[in-house]
Amino acid sequence: MTNAAECSATRSTNGPRSRGRLRPSGVLAAGVILLVSSGIVLISPLLGHVTLLDRSDQRAVAFGWPFAWLHQDQRAVDPPFPTTTGFYSPLENPTSLSWVMLLLDVAVVVAALAAVLALLVSGLRRIRR
C-alpha cells in the first residue's frame, strides 16, 4: 500500500506538464525541424544561380544558402560573359565542400524554423484561450 505523499509525487512527475522530461511530441518536432532544415540547405545549391562577370570568377563558384558551403571550379565551361550559372555535375567540375559552413547553414535554418514554429504554437495557444 502506498501513502498519499508517494501518490502525489508520482502524479506530479508523470503529468503531461512535468519539467525536465522530453515529451515525445517535442522530440518529434525537433527531428522534423532538423530533417526539413537539412533538406532546405542541401537542395539550395541545386536551385541557386550565380552571376559571373569574367573568367576569373569561374575558379571558385560558390553555392549554398544562407552561407556558401559548396564551391565548384567551372573553368572547363567557356560561356560568354557576363553569364548566369548554376551547379554543374561534380563528376566533370572539381567541387569542394566546407563542412563548417554546411553545419552553420543547417543550424541557422533550424533556428529560423524553430522560431517560426514557436510563434505558431504560441499564437494557436492564445487563440484557444
C-alpha atoms as a PDB file:
ATOM      1  CA  MET A   1       0.000   0.000   0.000  1.00  0.00           C
ATOM      2  CA  THR A   2       1.334   3.476  -0.839  1.00  0.00           C
ATOM      3  CA  ASN A   3       0.888   6.597   1.157  1.00  0.00           C
ATOM      4  CA  ALA A   4      -0.596   9.895  -0.087  1.00  0.00           C
ATOM      5  CA  ALA A   5       2.800  11.619  -0.423  1.00  0.00           C
ATOM      6  CA  GLU A   6       4.054   8.961  -2.839  1.00  0.00           C
ATOM      7  CA  CYS A   7       0.870   9.193  -4.928  1.00  0.00           C
ATOM      8  CA  SER A   8       1.078  12.979  -5.220  1.00  0.00           C
ATOM      9  CA  ALA A   9       4.801  12.800  -6.079  1.00  0.00           C
ATOM     10  CA  THR A  10       4.052  10.218  -8.766  1.00  0.00           C
ATOM     11  CA  ARG A  11       1.247  12.312 -10.241  1.00  0.00           C
ATOM     12  CA  SER A  12       3.339  15.488 -10.338  1.00  0.00           C
ATOM     13  CA  THR A  13       6.319  13.907 -12.131  1.00  0.00           C
ATOM     14  CA  ASN A  14       4.338  11.819 -14.586  1.00  0.00           C
ATOM     15  CA  GLY A  15       1.851  14.523 -15.544  1.00  0.00           C
ATOM     16  CA  PRO A  16       1.698  15.979 -19.044  1.00  0.00           C
ATOM     17  CA  ARG A  17       3.361  19.235 -17.978  1.00  0.00           C
ATOM     18  CA  SER A  18       6.284  17.820 -15.993  1.00  0.00           C
ATOM     19  CA  ARG A  19       9.510  19.815 -16.191  1.00  0.00           C
ATOM     20  CA  GLY A  20      12.823  18.255 -17.078  1.00  0.00           C
ATOM     21  CA  ARG A  21      11.410  15.499 -19.276  1.00  0.00           C
ATOM     22  CA  LEU A  22      11.403  15.358 -23.035  1.00  0.00           C
ATOM     23  CA  ARG A  23       7.922  14.922 -24.376  1.00  0.00           C
ATOM     24  CA  PRO A  24       7.574  12.680 -27.447  1.00  0.00           C
ATOM     25  CA  SER A  25       5.892  15.480 -29.385  1.00  0.00           C
ATOM     26  CA  GLY A  26       8.840  17.803 -28.688  1.00  0.00           C
ATOM     27  CA  VAL A  27      11.369  15.213 -29.818  1.00  0.00           C
ATOM     28  CA  LEU A  28       9.323  14.555 -32.950  1.00  0.00           C
ATOM     29  CA  ALA A  29       9.071  18.287 -33.698  1.00  0.00           C
ATOM     30  CA  ALA A  30      12.830  18.714 -33.245  1.00  0.00           C
ATOM     31  CA  GLY A  31      13.502  15.770 -35.565  1.00  0.00           C
ATOM     32  CA  VAL A  32      11.148  17.125 -38.235  1.00  0.00           C
ATOM     33  CA  ILE A  33      12.709  20.602 -37.982  1.00  0.00           C
ATOM     34  CA  LEU A  34      16.211  19.122 -38.356  1.00  0.00           C
ATOM     35  CA  LEU A  35      15.153  16.979 -41.322  1.00  0.00           C
ATOM     36  CA  VAL A  36      13.392  19.848 -43.121  1.00  0.00           C
ATOM     37  CA  SER A  37      16.290  22.238 -42.430  1.00  0.00           C
ATOM     38  CA  SER A  38      18.833  19.770 -43.773  1.00  0.00           C
ATOM     39  CA  GLY A  39      16.731  19.279 -46.897  1.00  0.00           C
ATOM     40  CA  ILE A  40      16.445  23.018 -47.495  1.00  0.00           C
ATOM     41  CA  VAL A  41      20.192  23.527 -47.091  1.00  0.00           C
ATOM     42  CA  LEU A  42      21.160  20.539 -49.260  1.00  0.00           C
ATOM     43  CA  ILE A  43      18.780  21.491 -52.081  1.00  0.00           C
ATOM     44  CA  SER A  44      19.730  25.182 -52.090  1.00  0.00           C
ATOM     45  CA  PRO A  45      22.831  24.757 -54.352  1.00  0.00           C
ATOM     46  CA  LEU A  46      20.715  23.000 -56.970  1.00  0.00           C
ATOM     47  CA  LEU A  47      18.216  25.863 -57.093  1.00  0.00           C
ATOM     48  CA  GLY A  48      20.606  28.795 -56.810  1.00  0.00           C
ATOM     49  CA  HIS A  49      22.185  30.728 -59.641  1.00  0.00           C
ATOM     50  CA  VAL A  50      25.319  32.863 -59.613  1.00  0.00           C
ATOM     51  CA  THR A  51      26.265  35.695 -61.941  1.00  0.00           C
ATOM     52  CA  LEU A  52      29.831  35.520 -63.247  1.00  0.00           C
ATOM     53  CA  LEU A  53      31.369  38.701 -64.605  1.00  0.00           C
ATOM     54  CA  ASP A  54      34.576  37.269 -66.095  1.00  0.00           C
ATOM     55  CA  ARG A  55      36.634  34.080 -66.433  1.00  0.00           C
ATOM     56  CA  SER A  56      38.385  34.563 -63.078  1.00  0.00           C
ATOM     57  CA  ASP A  57      35.011  34.184 -61.305  1.00  0.00           C
ATOM     58  CA  GLN A  58      34.804  30.610 -62.610  1.00  0.00           C
ATOM     59  CA  ARG A  59      37.649  29.405 -60.403  1.00  0.00           C
ATOM     60  CA  ALA A  60      35.504  29.092 -57.263  1.00  0.00           C
ATOM     61  CA  VAL A  61      31.793  29.462 -57.945  1.00  0.00           C
ATOM     62  CA  ALA A  62      30.102  29.460 -54.527  1.00  0.00           C
ATOM     63  CA  PHE A  63      26.735  27.831 -53.805  1.00  0.00           C
ATOM     64  CA  GLY A  64      24.660  27.380 -50.675  1.00  0.00           C
ATOM     65  CA  TRP A  65      22.133  29.286 -48.644  1.00  0.00           C
ATOM     66  CA  PRO A  66      22.311  31.276 -46.378  1.00  0.00           C
ATOM     67  CA  PHE A  67      26.126  30.834 -46.474  1.00  0.00           C
ATOM     68  CA  ALA A  68      28.216  29.440 -49.317  1.00  0.00           C
ATOM     69  CA  TRP A  69      29.377  25.937 -48.401  1.00  0.00           C
ATOM     70  CA  LEU A  70      29.822  24.355 -51.826  1.00  0.00           C
ATOM     71  CA  HIS A  71      32.493  25.605 -54.257  1.00  0.00           C
ATOM     72  CA  GLN A  72      32.920  24.494 -57.824  1.00  0.00           C
ATOM     73  CA  ASP A  73      35.625  25.136 -60.410  1.00  0.00           C
ATOM     74  CA  GLN A  74      33.806  25.804 -63.693  1.00  0.00           C
ATOM     75  CA  ARG A  75      36.780  26.894 -65.823  1.00  0.00           C
ATOM     76  CA  ALA A  76      36.129  23.983 -68.207  1.00  0.00           C
ATOM     77  CA  VAL A  77      32.999  25.798 -69.405  1.00  0.00           C
ATOM     78  CA  ASP A  78      33.511  28.721 -71.788  1.00  0.00           C
ATOM     79  CA  PRO A  79      30.349  30.876 -71.778  1.00  0.00           C
ATOM     80  CA  PRO A  80      30.109  34.494 -72.956  1.00  0.00           C
ATOM     81  CA  PHE A  81      30.486  36.920 -70.038  1.00  0.00           C
ATOM     82  CA  PRO A  82      28.702  38.171 -68.040  1.00  0.00           C
ATOM     83  CA  THR A  83      26.730  34.981 -67.542  1.00  0.00           C
ATOM     84  CA  THR A  84      24.481  33.290 -65.023  1.00  0.00           C
ATOM     85  CA  THR A  85      25.407  29.766 -63.995  1.00  0.00           C
ATOM     86  CA  GLY A  86      24.144  27.040 -61.725  1.00  0.00           C
ATOM     87  CA  PHE A  87      25.586  23.945 -60.094  1.00  0.00           C
ATOM     88  CA  TYR A  88      27.128  21.605 -62.669  1.00  0.00           C
ATOM     89  CA  SER A  89      27.964  17.913 -62.404  1.00  0.00           C
ATOM     90  CA  PRO A  90      30.650  17.314 -59.766  1.00  0.00           C
ATOM     91  CA  LEU A  91      31.981  14.469 -61.933  1.00  0.00           C
ATOM     92  CA  GLU A  92      33.029  16.955 -64.626  1.00  0.00           C
ATOM     93  CA  ASN A  93      33.802  20.019 -62.493  1.00  0.00           C
ATOM     94  CA  PRO A  94      36.054  19.874 -59.401  1.00  0.00           C
ATOM     95  CA  THR A  95      33.864  20.507 -56.356  1.00  0.00           C
ATOM     96  CA  SER A  96      34.792  21.166 -52.735  1.00  0.00           C
ATOM     97  CA  LEU A  97      32.679  21.220 -49.614  1.00  0.00           C
ATOM     98  CA  SER A  98      33.075  23.268 -46.431  1.00  0.00           C
ATOM     99  CA  TRP A  99      31.653  21.136 -43.603  1.00  0.00           C
ATOM    100  CA  VAL A 100      31.790  24.002 -41.115  1.00  0.00           C
ATOM    101  CA  MET A 101      29.723  26.288 -43.331  1.00  0.00           C
ATOM    102  CA  LEU A 102      27.311  23.448 -44.135  1.00  0.00           C
ATOM    103  CA  LEU A 103      26.692  22.784 -40.438  1.00  0.00           C
ATOM    104  CA  LEU A 104      26.377  26.527 -39.803  1.00  0.00           C
ATOM    105  CA  ASP A 105      23.780  26.740 -42.579  1.00  0.00           C
ATOM    106  CA  VAL A 106      21.795  23.875 -41.064  1.00  0.00           C
ATOM    107  CA  ALA A 107      21.987  25.491 -37.608  1.00  0.00           C
ATOM    108  CA  VAL A 108      20.739  28.852 -38.936  1.00  0.00           C
ATOM    109  CA  VAL A 109      17.821  27.268 -40.790  1.00  0.00           C
ATOM    110  CA  VAL A 110      16.973  25.090 -37.753  1.00  0.00           C
ATOM    111  CA  ALA A 111      16.884  28.202 -35.558  1.00  0.00           C
ATOM    112  CA  ALA A 112      14.691  30.053 -38.046  1.00  0.00           C
ATOM    113  CA  LEU A 113      12.222  27.175 -38.413  1.00  0.00           C
ATOM    114  CA  ALA A 114      12.143  26.609 -34.650  1.00  0.00           C
ATOM    115  CA  ALA A 115      11.365  30.301 -34.102  1.00  0.00           C
ATOM    116  CA  VAL A 116       8.548  30.200 -36.655  1.00  0.00           C
ATOM    117  CA  LEU A 117       7.146  27.031 -35.089  1.00  0.00           C
ATOM    118  CA  ALA A 118       7.330  28.563 -31.598  1.00  0.00           C
ATOM    119  CA  LEU A 119       5.454  31.651 -32.802  1.00  0.00           C
ATOM    120  CA  LEU A 120       2.794  29.488 -34.453  1.00  0.00           C
ATOM    121  CA  VAL A 121       2.322  27.353 -31.332  1.00  0.00           C
ATOM    122  CA  SER A 122       2.172  30.464 -29.155  1.00  0.00           C
ATOM    123  CA  GLY A 123      -0.412  32.035 -31.440  1.00  0.00           C
ATOM    124  CA  LEU A 124      -2.531  28.887 -31.518  1.00  0.00           C
ATOM    125  CA  ARG A 125      -2.462  28.690 -27.725  1.00  0.00           C
ATOM    126  CA  ARG A 126      -3.671  32.299 -27.482  1.00  0.00           C
ATOM    127  CA  ILE A 127      -6.475  31.611 -29.931  1.00  0.00           C
ATOM    128  CA  ARG A 128      -7.624  28.586 -27.924  1.00  0.00           C
ATOM    129  CA  ARG A 129      -7.926  30.590 -24.712  1.00  0.00           C
END
